[in-house]
Amino acid sequence: MLQRRQVGGMDDVVVDTNVLAHADNPGHALFESSRQFFTALLGAQTAWCLDEGFHPLESGNQSRVYSEYRATVLPIGLGLQVLAHLAATGRIRLVGRANSQVRRQVRRIVPHNTVDRLFVELAYGSTDHVLVSHDYSDFHEKCRTVLLARLGVEIVDAGPCCERL
C-alpha cells in the first residue's frame, strides 16, 4: 500500500557528514548545493534523523552520528547550527538500531565503512528512507542501486533533495 506524504515534502531525512563538511568549505564544488540543502531543511517541516543517544550537549551525547559530526566539522558550521535549531524546535527524530538481518545486508553492500553503514541503517529505520550523501566512494552507483532495490534506501545528493523537503 502506498503511503501518502505530508503536503510540503518529506517527513524525515538522514544526513551524511560530508554534506555538513561541504557546506562549510567554499572551495568545494558542492558548497552551494549543501548550503541550499540546509537552508531548505530549516524552512521545511522535515525532521533530521539521528541514532538513539543524541543529546545536544556534548556531555550528555551518546549518538555515534552526532559524535562523527562533531569530530569532523566545527560547531559554528552551518550544518551543526541547523541541527541545533531543529533540536531546539523538536525536529530531531531518533531512530533505533536496525535488526541483525538488516545489519548483515548492509554490511555486505557497504563492507568498508562502519559509519556509512550506520547512516544506511538509520535511513532504513526512518520514515522516508532517504540518505543525503555526496560519498561516491563508499556509495558508488551500483551500491546505491542495490540499497534501493534490497532495502528501499535511497541515497541522493543535497541539491536534488532540496525540492523534496
C-alpha atoms as a PDB file:
ATOM      1  CA  MET A   1       0.000   0.000   0.000  1.00  0.00           C
ATOM      2  CA  LEU A   2       1.309   3.454  -0.848  1.00  0.00           C
ATOM      3  CA  GLN A   3       1.873   5.878   1.977  1.00  0.00           C
ATOM      4  CA  ARG A   4       0.757   9.439   1.368  1.00  0.00           C
ATOM      5  CA  ARG A   5       3.411  12.022   2.060  1.00  0.00           C
ATOM      6  CA  GLN A   6       2.649  15.089   4.081  1.00  0.00           C
ATOM      7  CA  VAL A   7       1.841  18.120   1.980  1.00  0.00           C
ATOM      8  CA  GLY A   8       5.066  20.036   1.535  1.00  0.00           C
ATOM      9  CA  GLY A   9       7.568  17.212   1.474  1.00  0.00           C
ATOM     10  CA  MET A  10       9.388  14.573   3.391  1.00  0.00           C
ATOM     11  CA  ASP A  11       8.736  13.540   6.987  1.00  0.00           C
ATOM     12  CA  ASP A  12      12.409  12.902   7.753  1.00  0.00           C
ATOM     13  CA  VAL A  13      15.914  12.624   6.322  1.00  0.00           C
ATOM     14  CA  VAL A  14      19.333  11.256   7.286  1.00  0.00           C
ATOM     15  CA  VAL A  15      22.363  13.447   6.504  1.00  0.00           C
ATOM     16  CA  ASP A  16      25.885  12.129   5.867  1.00  0.00           C
ATOM     17  CA  THR A  17      28.781  14.004   7.473  1.00  0.00           C
ATOM     18  CA  ASN A  18      30.227  15.008   4.112  1.00  0.00           C
ATOM     19  CA  VAL A  19      27.226  17.251   3.415  1.00  0.00           C
ATOM     20  CA  LEU A  20      27.949  19.188   6.621  1.00  0.00           C
ATOM     21  CA  ALA A  21      31.627  19.458   5.674  1.00  0.00           C
ATOM     22  CA  HIS A  22      30.843  20.632   2.136  1.00  0.00           C
ATOM     23  CA  ALA A  23      28.511  23.339   3.462  1.00  0.00           C
ATOM     24  CA  ASP A  24      31.461  24.855   5.326  1.00  0.00           C
ATOM     25  CA  ASN A  25      34.010  24.633   2.501  1.00  0.00           C
ATOM     26  CA  PRO A  26      33.618  27.460  -0.047  1.00  0.00           C
ATOM     27  CA  GLY A  27      36.288  25.831  -2.234  1.00  0.00           C
ATOM     28  CA  HIS A  28      34.307  22.629  -2.725  1.00  0.00           C
ATOM     29  CA  ALA A  29      32.173  22.097  -5.824  1.00  0.00           C
ATOM     30  CA  LEU A  30      29.213  21.041  -3.648  1.00  0.00           C
ATOM     31  CA  PHE A  31      29.423  24.038  -1.285  1.00  0.00           C
ATOM     32  CA  GLU A  32      26.403  25.895  -2.717  1.00  0.00           C
ATOM     33  CA  SER A  33      24.120  22.876  -3.028  1.00  0.00           C
ATOM     34  CA  SER A  34      25.000  21.798   0.527  1.00  0.00           C
ATOM     35  CA  ARG A  35      24.184  25.247   1.903  1.00  0.00           C
ATOM     36  CA  GLN A  36      20.950  25.331  -0.108  1.00  0.00           C
ATOM     37  CA  PHE A  37      20.021  21.947   1.364  1.00  0.00           C
ATOM     38  CA  PHE A  38      20.458  23.168   4.955  1.00  0.00           C
ATOM     39  CA  THR A  39      18.556  26.365   4.209  1.00  0.00           C
ATOM     40  CA  ALA A  40      15.717  24.333   2.688  1.00  0.00           C
ATOM     41  CA  LEU A  41      15.741  21.903   5.636  1.00  0.00           C
ATOM     42  CA  LEU A  42      15.498  24.802   8.053  1.00  0.00           C
ATOM     43  CA  GLY A  43      12.447  26.150   6.231  1.00  0.00           C
ATOM     44  CA  ALA A  44      10.711  22.787   5.833  1.00  0.00           C
ATOM     45  CA  GLN A  45       8.820  20.606   8.307  1.00  0.00           C
ATOM     46  CA  THR A  46      11.199  17.676   7.741  1.00  0.00           C
ATOM     47  CA  ALA A  47      12.890  16.089  10.764  1.00  0.00           C
ATOM     48  CA  TRP A  48      16.606  15.230  10.857  1.00  0.00           C
ATOM     49  CA  CYS A  49      17.200  11.603  11.900  1.00  0.00           C
ATOM     50  CA  LEU A  50      19.936  10.649  14.346  1.00  0.00           C
ATOM     51  CA  ASP A  51      20.708   7.476  16.236  1.00  0.00           C
ATOM     52  CA  GLU A  52      19.459   6.969  19.771  1.00  0.00           C
ATOM     53  CA  GLY A  53      21.603   8.578  22.418  1.00  0.00           C
ATOM     54  CA  PHE A  54      21.646  12.025  20.827  1.00  0.00           C
ATOM     55  CA  HIS A  55      21.817  14.930  23.211  1.00  0.00           C
ATOM     56  CA  PRO A  56      22.654  18.460  22.039  1.00  0.00           C
ATOM     57  CA  LEU A  57      25.031  18.941  24.960  1.00  0.00           C
ATOM     58  CA  GLU A  58      28.301  17.153  24.332  1.00  0.00           C
ATOM     59  CA  SER A  59      28.443  15.852  27.909  1.00  0.00           C
ATOM     60  CA  GLY A  60      25.117  14.033  27.500  1.00  0.00           C
ATOM     61  CA  ASN A  61      25.605  12.806  23.944  1.00  0.00           C
ATOM     62  CA  GLN A  62      25.966   9.096  23.169  1.00  0.00           C
ATOM     63  CA  SER A  63      24.999   9.282  19.493  1.00  0.00           C
ATOM     64  CA  ARG A  64      27.649   7.878  17.157  1.00  0.00           C
ATOM     65  CA  VAL A  65      26.383  10.077  14.309  1.00  0.00           C
ATOM     66  CA  TYR A  66      26.482  13.296  16.321  1.00  0.00           C
ATOM     67  CA  SER A  67      29.949  12.368  17.584  1.00  0.00           C
ATOM     68  CA  GLU A  68      31.035  11.891  13.959  1.00  0.00           C
ATOM     69  CA  TYR A  69      29.627  15.296  13.041  1.00  0.00           C
ATOM     70  CA  ARG A  70      31.407  16.967  15.972  1.00  0.00           C
ATOM     71  CA  ALA A  71      34.711  15.270  15.147  1.00  0.00           C
ATOM     72  CA  THR A  72      34.533  16.410  11.515  1.00  0.00           C
ATOM     73  CA  VAL A  73      33.043  19.923  11.435  1.00  0.00           C
ATOM     74  CA  LEU A  74      33.253  22.988  13.630  1.00  0.00           C
ATOM     75  CA  PRO A  75      30.326  23.714  15.973  1.00  0.00           C
ATOM     76  CA  ILE A  76      29.869  27.083  14.258  1.00  0.00           C
ATOM     77  CA  GLY A  77      29.347  25.378  10.896  1.00  0.00           C
ATOM     78  CA  LEU A  78      26.035  25.758   9.099  1.00  0.00           C
ATOM     79  CA  GLY A  79      25.025  22.098   9.381  1.00  0.00           C
ATOM     80  CA  LEU A  80      25.515  21.926  13.142  1.00  0.00           C
ATOM     81  CA  GLN A  81      23.774  25.276  13.590  1.00  0.00           C
ATOM     82  CA  VAL A  82      20.754  23.945  11.687  1.00  0.00           C
ATOM     83  CA  LEU A  83      20.901  20.738  13.743  1.00  0.00           C
ATOM     84  CA  ALA A  84      20.911  22.772  16.973  1.00  0.00           C
ATOM     85  CA  HIS A  85      17.904  24.769  15.811  1.00  0.00           C
ATOM     86  CA  LEU A  86      15.999  21.628  14.819  1.00  0.00           C
ATOM     87  CA  ALA A  87      16.843  20.048  18.190  1.00  0.00           C
ATOM     88  CA  ALA A  88      15.545  23.154  19.993  1.00  0.00           C
ATOM     89  CA  THR A  89      12.306  23.068  17.990  1.00  0.00           C
ATOM     90  CA  GLY A  90      11.633  19.323  18.304  1.00  0.00           C
ATOM     91  CA  ARG A  91      12.562  18.326  14.761  1.00  0.00           C
ATOM     92  CA  ILE A  92      15.090  15.619  15.567  1.00  0.00           C
ATOM     93  CA  ARG A  93      13.870  12.050  15.126  1.00  0.00           C
ATOM     94  CA  LEU A  94      15.771   9.351  16.986  1.00  0.00           C
ATOM     95  CA  VAL A  95      15.968   6.071  15.111  1.00  0.00           C
ATOM     96  CA  GLY A  96      16.653   2.774  16.854  1.00  0.00           C
ATOM     97  CA  ARG A  97      19.178   0.227  15.753  1.00  0.00           C
ATOM     98  CA  ALA A  98      18.277  -1.954  12.762  1.00  0.00           C
ATOM     99  CA  ASN A  99      17.695  -5.654  13.351  1.00  0.00           C
ATOM    100  CA  SER A 100      20.522  -8.138  12.764  1.00  0.00           C
ATOM    101  CA  GLN A 101      19.212  -9.262   9.360  1.00  0.00           C
ATOM    102  CA  VAL A 102      19.236  -5.693   8.034  1.00  0.00           C
ATOM    103  CA  ARG A 103      22.663  -5.025   9.558  1.00  0.00           C
ATOM    104  CA  ARG A 104      24.043  -8.150   7.813  1.00  0.00           C
ATOM    105  CA  GLN A 105      22.657  -6.987   4.458  1.00  0.00           C
ATOM    106  CA  VAL A 106      24.080  -3.503   4.934  1.00  0.00           C
ATOM    107  CA  ARG A 107      27.481  -4.986   5.866  1.00  0.00           C
ATOM    108  CA  ARG A 108      27.518  -6.960   2.601  1.00  0.00           C
ATOM    109  CA  ILE A 109      26.567  -3.934   0.498  1.00  0.00           C
ATOM    110  CA  VAL A 110      28.766  -1.369   2.313  1.00  0.00           C
ATOM    111  CA  PRO A 111      31.674  -3.506   3.568  1.00  0.00           C
ATOM    112  CA  HIS A 112      34.388  -0.963   4.369  1.00  0.00           C
ATOM    113  CA  ASN A 113      32.989   1.917   6.399  1.00  0.00           C
ATOM    114  CA  THR A 114      31.176   1.353   9.708  1.00  0.00           C
ATOM    115  CA  VAL A 115      29.934   4.956   9.983  1.00  0.00           C
ATOM    116  CA  ASP A 116      28.472   4.840   6.474  1.00  0.00           C
ATOM    117  CA  ARG A 117      26.744   1.567   7.377  1.00  0.00           C
ATOM    118  CA  LEU A 118      25.196   3.344  10.371  1.00  0.00           C
ATOM    119  CA  PHE A 119      23.864   6.101   8.089  1.00  0.00           C
ATOM    120  CA  VAL A 120      22.257   3.454   5.844  1.00  0.00           C
ATOM    121  CA  GLU A 121      20.728   1.684   8.850  1.00  0.00           C
ATOM    122  CA  LEU A 122      19.279   4.987  10.076  1.00  0.00           C
ATOM    123  CA  ALA A 123      17.808   5.682   6.639  1.00  0.00           C
ATOM    124  CA  TYR A 124      16.305   2.189   6.642  1.00  0.00           C
ATOM    125  CA  GLY A 125      14.667   2.879  10.021  1.00  0.00           C
ATOM    126  CA  SER A 126      13.434   6.336   9.034  1.00  0.00           C
ATOM    127  CA  THR A 127      10.025   7.087   7.556  1.00  0.00           C
ATOM    128  CA  ASP A 128      11.174   8.262   4.126  1.00  0.00           C
ATOM    129  CA  HIS A 129      14.288   6.033   3.830  1.00  0.00           C
ATOM    130  CA  VAL A 130      16.403   8.848   2.333  1.00  0.00           C
ATOM    131  CA  LEU A 131      20.096   9.434   2.999  1.00  0.00           C
ATOM    132  CA  VAL A 132      21.603  12.682   1.718  1.00  0.00           C
ATOM    133  CA  SER A 133      25.225  11.997   0.828  1.00  0.00           C
ATOM    134  CA  HIS A 134      27.942  13.099  -1.577  1.00  0.00           C
ATOM    135  CA  ASP A 135      30.012   9.959  -0.962  1.00  0.00           C
ATOM    136  CA  TYR A 136      30.502   8.158  -4.270  1.00  0.00           C
ATOM    137  CA  SER A 137      33.418   6.127  -2.941  1.00  0.00           C
ATOM    138  CA  ASP A 138      31.522   4.027  -0.406  1.00  0.00           C
ATOM    139  CA  PHE A 139      28.138   4.683  -2.054  1.00  0.00           C
ATOM    140  CA  HIS A 140      29.030   4.173  -5.718  1.00  0.00           C
ATOM    141  CA  GLU A 141      26.236   3.859  -8.290  1.00  0.00           C
ATOM    142  CA  LYS A 142      25.919   0.069  -8.038  1.00  0.00           C
ATOM    143  CA  CYS A 143      25.812   0.285  -4.227  1.00  0.00           C
ATOM    144  CA  ARG A 144      23.085   2.930  -4.416  1.00  0.00           C
ATOM    145  CA  THR A 145      21.062   0.780  -6.817  1.00  0.00           C
ATOM    146  CA  VAL A 146      21.371  -2.309  -4.603  1.00  0.00           C
ATOM    147  CA  LEU A 147      20.466  -0.388  -1.426  1.00  0.00           C
ATOM    148  CA  LEU A 148      17.342   0.954  -3.104  1.00  0.00           C
ATOM    149  CA  ALA A 149      16.323  -2.432  -4.532  1.00  0.00           C
ATOM    150  CA  ARG A 150      17.001  -4.553  -1.435  1.00  0.00           C
ATOM    151  CA  LEU A 151      16.331  -2.198   1.449  1.00  0.00           C
ATOM    152  CA  GLY A 152      14.365   0.682  -0.052  1.00  0.00           C
ATOM    153  CA  VAL A 153      17.091   3.146   0.996  1.00  0.00           C
ATOM    154  CA  GLU A 154      17.580   5.973  -1.480  1.00  0.00           C
ATOM    155  CA  ILE A 155      20.848   7.932  -1.466  1.00  0.00           C
ATOM    156  CA  VAL A 156      20.587  11.381  -3.024  1.00  0.00           C
ATOM    157  CA  ASP A 157      22.798  14.443  -3.376  1.00  0.00           C
ATOM    158  CA  ALA A 158      21.937  17.553  -1.364  1.00  0.00           C
ATOM    159  CA  GLY A 159      20.962  19.705  -4.361  1.00  0.00           C
ATOM    160  CA  PRO A 160      18.239  17.452  -5.800  1.00  0.00           C
ATOM    161  CA  CYS A 161      16.920  16.753  -2.292  1.00  0.00           C
ATOM    162  CA  CYS A 162      16.093  20.446  -1.677  1.00  0.00           C
ATOM    163  CA  GLU A 163      12.890  20.381  -3.713  1.00  0.00           C
ATOM    164  CA  ARG A 164      11.749  17.184  -1.961  1.00  0.00           C
ATOM    165  CA  LEU A 165      11.919  18.699   1.514  1.00  0.00           C
END
